[in-house]
Amino acid sequence: MNLVDIHCHLNHQLFKDDLDEVIKRAKKAGVKAIIVSGVNPPANREVLKLAEKDSIIKVSLGIYPIDALGLSEGETGLPRQIVPIDLEEEFKFIEKNEDKIVAVGEVGMDFHWDKEHHQQQEENFRKIIRFVKKIRKPIIIHSRKAEIECIDVLEEEVPNKEIPIIMHCFSGNKKLIKRAADFGCYFSIPPIITKLQHFQTLTEIAPLTQLFTETDAPWLSPFKDKKNEPAFVIESIKKIAEIKGISQREVAEQIWKNYETVFKS
């Protein structure tokens, strides 16, 4: 089976001592592509450098909504961003490297960590979407506690579905899942689907043709006391197959087709 992890953070400090082994385990599990996501200017430069290490690593350059405001969440294991991001400067950097990347993300809005600057988050998000439409790359969305607002903005800014939209770890309710699916959004399912009913429900509602597998590694591990890693996407495959009532191979083949359609077009 050809497997794919469309969203993870292999530049995290937790991988600094065993990254080679993590990549080996991913390949052994059948993973053929790992999209590593940046979240701010220093992280974006890190993931571009990381992609030089192995051809299995693909790059998504991101502007995390909290980092865009200069309101870093504290020590996360990723580069901190303690001043607002100059969006125009980072757009120039992304455009300069557009041939080296497969997507832009993660970007979006987050009302969990920031409860005061929602209007500024929305303005930043709209600017980012307009830029991504210009370079015509898929966009990977972070929408924690801002699911309705993100969908509202996306429907306004991408009415003709000019670019593929991937909802990363989408936590909206059933109505919002249906709304986003009907709009044509894709959803990436983490291995913690084995434990969380929400992702099982999302998988029931969304068509297989609109699903991806991701890990968000090192977070959202399906195994207690183990950091998440790309090899674990097989756990998402197993659970999706169980929910959809088809074989793991059928699930993997369709998700790989989705990957080729969205990220290799």
Protein backbone atom coordinates (compact mmCIF):
# COMPACT_ATOMS: atom_id res chain seq x y z
CA MET A 1 0.00 0.00 0.00
CA ASN A 2 1.07 3.57 -0.69
CA LEU A 3 0.53 5.61 2.46
CA VAL A 4 0.82 9.35 3.03
CA ASP A 5 1.08 11.68 6.01
CA ILE A 6 -0.10 15.08 4.79
CA HIS A 7 0.61 17.02 7.97
CA CYS A 8 3.32 16.64 10.61
CA HIS A 9 6.15 18.51 12.30
CA LEU A 10 9.36 16.51 11.91
CA ASN A 11 11.37 19.63 12.76
CA HIS A 12 10.06 19.34 16.33
CA GLN A 13 12.69 18.97 19.07
CA LEU A 14 11.36 15.50 19.92
CA PHE A 15 12.69 14.23 16.59
CA LYS A 16 16.19 15.70 16.82
CA ASP A 17 17.78 12.47 18.03
CA ASP A 18 15.91 9.83 16.03
CA LEU A 19 14.71 11.45 12.80
CA ASP A 20 16.59 8.95 10.62
CA GLU A 21 14.90 6.06 12.42
CA VAL A 22 11.50 7.75 12.18
CA ILE A 23 11.91 8.07 8.41
CA LYS A 24 13.06 4.45 8.14
CA ARG A 25 10.02 3.24 10.07
CA ALA A 26 7.75 5.33 7.87
CA LYS A 27 9.20 3.78 4.72
CA LYS A 28 8.94 0.29 6.21
CA ALA A 29 5.26 0.94 6.96
CA GLY A 30 4.63 1.89 3.32
CA VAL A 31 4.61 5.67 3.66
CA LYS A 32 5.62 7.21 0.34
CA ALA A 33 5.20 10.91 1.16
CA ILE A 34 5.42 12.97 4.35
CA ILE A 35 4.34 16.61 4.22
CA VAL A 36 6.14 18.56 6.92
CA SER A 37 4.42 21.80 7.87
CA GLY A 38 5.99 25.11 8.79
CA VAL A 39 4.24 27.47 11.18
CA ASN A 40 6.28 30.69 11.04
CA PRO A 41 9.34 32.17 9.25
CA PRO A 42 12.06 30.25 11.15
CA ALA A 43 10.09 26.99 11.01
CA ASN A 44 9.47 27.45 7.28
CA ARG A 45 13.20 27.69 6.70
CA GLU A 46 13.78 24.62 8.86
CA VAL A 47 11.34 22.44 6.93
CA LEU A 48 12.77 23.51 3.58
CA LYS A 49 16.18 22.42 4.84
CA LEU A 50 14.71 19.19 6.18
CA ALA A 51 13.33 18.32 2.74
CA GLU A 52 16.89 18.16 1.43
CA LYS A 53 17.47 15.19 3.73
CA ASP A 54 15.20 12.70 1.96
CA SER A 55 12.91 12.79 -1.08
CA ILE A 56 10.06 11.31 0.98
CA ILE A 57 9.79 14.67 2.77
CA LYS A 58 7.56 17.25 1.10
CA VAL A 59 7.03 20.81 2.31
CA SER A 60 4.08 22.97 3.30
CA LEU A 61 5.04 26.49 4.34
CA GLY A 62 2.74 27.94 6.97
CA ILE A 63 1.71 31.00 8.93
CA TYR A 64 0.10 29.69 12.10
CA PRO A 65 -2.62 32.13 13.21
CA ILE A 66 -1.20 32.65 16.71
CA ASP A 67 2.33 33.06 15.39
CA ALA A 68 1.09 35.60 12.83
CA LEU A 69 0.09 37.79 15.77
CA GLY A 70 3.40 37.28 17.56
CA LEU A 71 1.58 35.50 20.39
CA SER A 72 3.58 32.30 20.60
CA GLU A 73 1.95 29.68 22.82
CA GLY A 74 5.16 29.19 24.82
CA GLU A 75 7.61 26.33 24.46
CA THR A 76 6.10 23.91 21.97
CA GLY A 77 9.25 22.26 20.63
CA LEU A 78 8.99 24.34 17.45
CA PRO A 79 10.61 27.73 16.73
CA ARG A 80 8.89 30.50 18.70
CA GLN A 81 7.42 33.61 17.09
CA ILE A 82 7.27 36.44 19.63
CA VAL A 83 6.72 39.34 17.22
CA PRO A 84 3.99 39.65 14.55
CA ILE A 85 4.86 38.09 11.21
CA ASP A 86 5.34 40.48 8.32
CA LEU A 87 2.89 38.75 5.99
CA GLU A 88 4.07 40.46 2.83
CA GLU A 89 7.67 39.51 3.50
CA GLU A 90 6.74 35.91 4.18
CA PHE A 91 4.59 35.83 1.04
CA LYS A 92 7.66 36.87 -0.93
CA PHE A 93 9.68 34.07 0.67
CA ILE A 94 6.99 31.48 -0.05
CA GLU A 95 6.61 32.66 -3.64
CA LYS A 96 10.38 32.49 -4.09
CA ASN A 97 10.27 28.84 -2.98
CA GLU A 98 6.95 27.84 -4.55
CA ASP A 99 8.60 25.21 -6.76
CA LYS A 100 9.90 23.46 -3.62
CA ILE A 101 6.57 23.21 -1.84
CA VAL A 102 3.36 21.23 -2.31
CA ALA A 103 1.03 23.39 -0.19
CA VAL A 104 0.64 26.40 2.07
CA GLY A 105 -0.26 25.66 5.67
CA GLU A 106 -0.95 25.45 8.32
CA VAL A 107 -2.89 28.69 8.22
CA GLY A 108 -6.31 29.76 9.47
CA MET A 109 -7.80 30.99 12.72
CA ASP A 110 -7.52 29.81 16.33
CA PHE A 111 -9.92 31.11 18.97
CA HIS A 112 -8.73 28.61 21.57
CA TRP A 113 -5.38 30.26 22.25
CA ASP A 114 -6.33 33.80 21.31
CA LYS A 115 -9.58 35.24 22.60
CA GLU A 116 -8.94 38.92 21.89
CA HIS A 117 -7.75 39.46 18.31
CA HIS A 118 -10.39 37.66 16.26
CA GLN A 119 -10.82 40.49 13.75
CA GLN A 120 -7.08 40.67 13.14
CA GLN A 121 -6.95 36.89 12.73
CA GLU A 122 -9.68 37.08 10.11
CA GLU A 123 -7.93 39.89 8.24
CA ASN A 124 -4.69 37.91 8.22
CA PHE A 125 -6.49 34.78 7.07
CA ARG A 126 -8.13 36.59 4.15
CA LYS A 127 -4.78 38.03 3.06
CA ILE A 128 -3.21 34.58 3.19
CA ILE A 129 -6.01 32.98 1.17
CA ARG A 130 -5.73 35.64 -1.52
CA PHE A 131 -2.00 35.06 -1.73
CA VAL A 132 -2.43 31.27 -1.95
CA LYS A 133 -4.96 31.72 -4.75
CA LYS A 134 -2.33 33.76 -6.59
CA ILE A 135 0.27 30.95 -6.47
CA ARG A 136 -2.42 28.26 -6.85
CA LYS A 137 -1.32 25.83 -4.16
CA PRO A 138 -3.48 23.66 -1.89
CA ILE A 139 -4.18 25.32 1.47
CA ILE A 140 -4.12 23.44 4.81
CA ILE A 141 -6.41 24.95 7.42
CA HIS A 142 -6.06 25.14 11.20
CA SER A 143 -9.47 26.09 12.66
CA ARG A 144 -9.43 25.31 16.38
CA LYS A 145 -12.54 26.75 18.07
CA ALA A 146 -13.02 28.86 14.93
CA GLU A 147 -14.57 26.29 12.62
CA ILE A 148 -17.64 28.32 11.65
CA GLU A 149 -15.60 31.46 11.08
CA CYS A 150 -13.04 29.66 8.93
CA ILE A 151 -15.72 28.10 6.75
CA ASP A 152 -17.49 31.45 6.41
CA VAL A 153 -14.26 33.08 5.21
CA LEU A 154 -13.36 30.22 2.87
CA GLU A 155 -16.80 30.25 1.24
CA GLU A 156 -16.43 33.99 0.63
CA GLU A 157 -12.82 33.98 -0.52
CA VAL A 158 -12.77 30.75 -2.56
CA PRO A 159 -16.31 30.64 -3.98
CA ASN A 160 -15.27 28.83 -7.14
CA LYS A 161 -12.98 26.36 -5.35
CA GLU A 162 -9.94 27.78 -7.17
CA ILE A 163 -7.59 25.93 -4.82
CA PRO A 164 -7.94 22.65 -2.89
CA ILE A 165 -8.85 23.20 0.77
CA ILE A 166 -7.75 20.69 3.42
CA MET A 167 -9.22 20.92 6.92
CA HIS A 168 -6.51 19.72 9.31
CA CYS A 169 -7.84 17.94 12.42
CA PHE A 170 -11.24 19.53 11.88
CA SER A 171 -13.27 19.63 15.11
CA GLY A 172 -16.54 21.11 13.90
CA ASN A 173 -19.88 19.47 14.63
CA LYS A 174 -21.84 17.24 12.24
CA LYS A 175 -23.56 20.18 10.58
CA LEU A 176 -20.24 21.91 9.92
CA ILE A 177 -18.62 18.70 8.66
CA LYS A 178 -21.46 18.32 6.15
CA ARG A 179 -21.24 21.98 5.17
CA ALA A 180 -17.48 21.81 4.60
CA ALA A 181 -17.78 18.52 2.73
CA ASP A 182 -20.52 19.90 0.48
CA PHE A 183 -18.28 22.89 -0.24
CA GLY A 184 -15.62 20.45 -1.45
CA CYS A 185 -13.19 20.56 1.45
CA TYR A 186 -10.91 17.65 2.22
CA PHE A 187 -10.35 16.38 5.77
CA SER A 188 -7.17 14.85 7.20
CA ILE A 189 -7.68 12.12 9.78
CA PRO A 190 -5.09 11.60 12.55
CA PRO A 191 -4.31 8.19 14.11
CA ILE A 192 -6.02 9.24 17.32
CA ILE A 193 -9.24 8.40 15.46
CA THR A 194 -8.80 5.07 17.25
CA LYS A 195 -9.66 6.86 20.50
CA LEU A 196 -11.77 9.88 19.54
CA GLN A 197 -15.39 9.46 18.48
CA HIS A 198 -15.35 12.84 16.76
CA PHE A 199 -12.96 11.72 14.02
CA GLN A 200 -14.93 8.51 13.63
CA THR A 201 -18.07 10.58 13.05
CA LEU A 202 -16.24 12.83 10.60
CA THR A 203 -15.11 9.74 8.68
CA GLU A 204 -18.69 8.44 8.55
CA ILE A 205 -19.95 11.71 7.08
CA ALA A 206 -17.20 12.69 4.64
CA PRO A 207 -16.76 10.80 1.36
CA LEU A 208 -13.59 8.73 1.06
CA THR A 209 -12.73 10.82 -1.99
CA GLN A 210 -12.33 13.78 0.38
CA LEU A 211 -10.22 12.14 3.08
CA PHE A 212 -6.50 12.16 3.83
CA THR A 213 -4.37 10.65 6.56
CA GLU A 214 -2.13 12.80 8.74
CA THR A 215 -0.36 12.47 12.09
CA ASP A 216 0.28 16.03 13.32
CA ALA A 217 3.35 14.32 14.80
CA PRO A 218 4.64 14.45 17.44
CA TRP A 219 1.14 15.17 18.79
CA LEU A 220 -2.09 13.09 18.67
CA SER A 221 -0.43 9.70 19.06
CA PRO A 222 -2.71 6.66 19.10
CA PHE A 223 -0.35 4.97 21.57
CA LYS A 224 0.06 5.89 25.22
CA ASP A 225 3.50 7.24 26.14
CA LYS A 226 4.68 7.24 22.51
CA LYS A 227 5.19 10.33 20.41
CA ASN A 228 3.29 10.24 17.14
CA GLU A 229 5.18 9.62 13.89
CA PRO A 230 4.37 9.17 10.18
CA ALA A 231 4.41 5.35 10.31
CA PHE A 232 1.29 5.52 12.49
CA VAL A 233 -0.94 6.68 9.60
CA ILE A 234 -1.67 2.99 9.17
CA GLU A 235 -3.83 3.27 12.31
CA SER A 236 -5.99 5.85 10.54
CA ILE A 237 -6.23 3.57 7.51
CA LYS A 238 -7.38 0.64 9.65
CA LYS A 239 -10.10 2.66 11.38
CA ILE A 240 -11.33 4.35 8.22
CA ALA A 241 -11.61 0.92 6.56
CA GLU A 242 -13.60 -0.40 9.51
CA ILE A 243 -15.98 2.58 9.45
CA LYS A 244 -16.45 2.57 5.68
CA GLY A 245 -16.82 -1.22 5.56
CA ILE A 246 -14.14 -1.76 2.92
CA SER A 247 -10.61 -3.13 2.89
CA GLN A 248 -7.57 -1.27 4.16
CA ARG A 249 -6.07 -1.53 0.68
CA GLU A 250 -9.11 0.17 -0.88
CA VAL A 251 -8.84 2.99 1.64
CA ALA A 252 -5.12 3.42 1.09
CA GLU A 253 -5.50 3.40 -2.70
CA GLN A 254 -8.20 6.09 -2.67
CA ILE A 255 -6.31 8.31 -0.25
CA TRP A 256 -3.20 7.98 -2.41
CA LYS A 257 -5.30 8.99 -5.42
CA ASN A 258 -6.54 11.99 -3.44
CA TYR A 259 -2.93 12.90 -2.65
CA GLU A 260 -1.87 12.67 -6.28
CA THR A 261 -4.86 14.74 -7.37
CA VAL A 262 -4.45 17.50 -4.80
CA PHE A 263 -0.71 17.76 -4.16
CA LYS A 264 0.81 16.64 -7.45
CA SER A 265 -1.41 18.47 -9.92
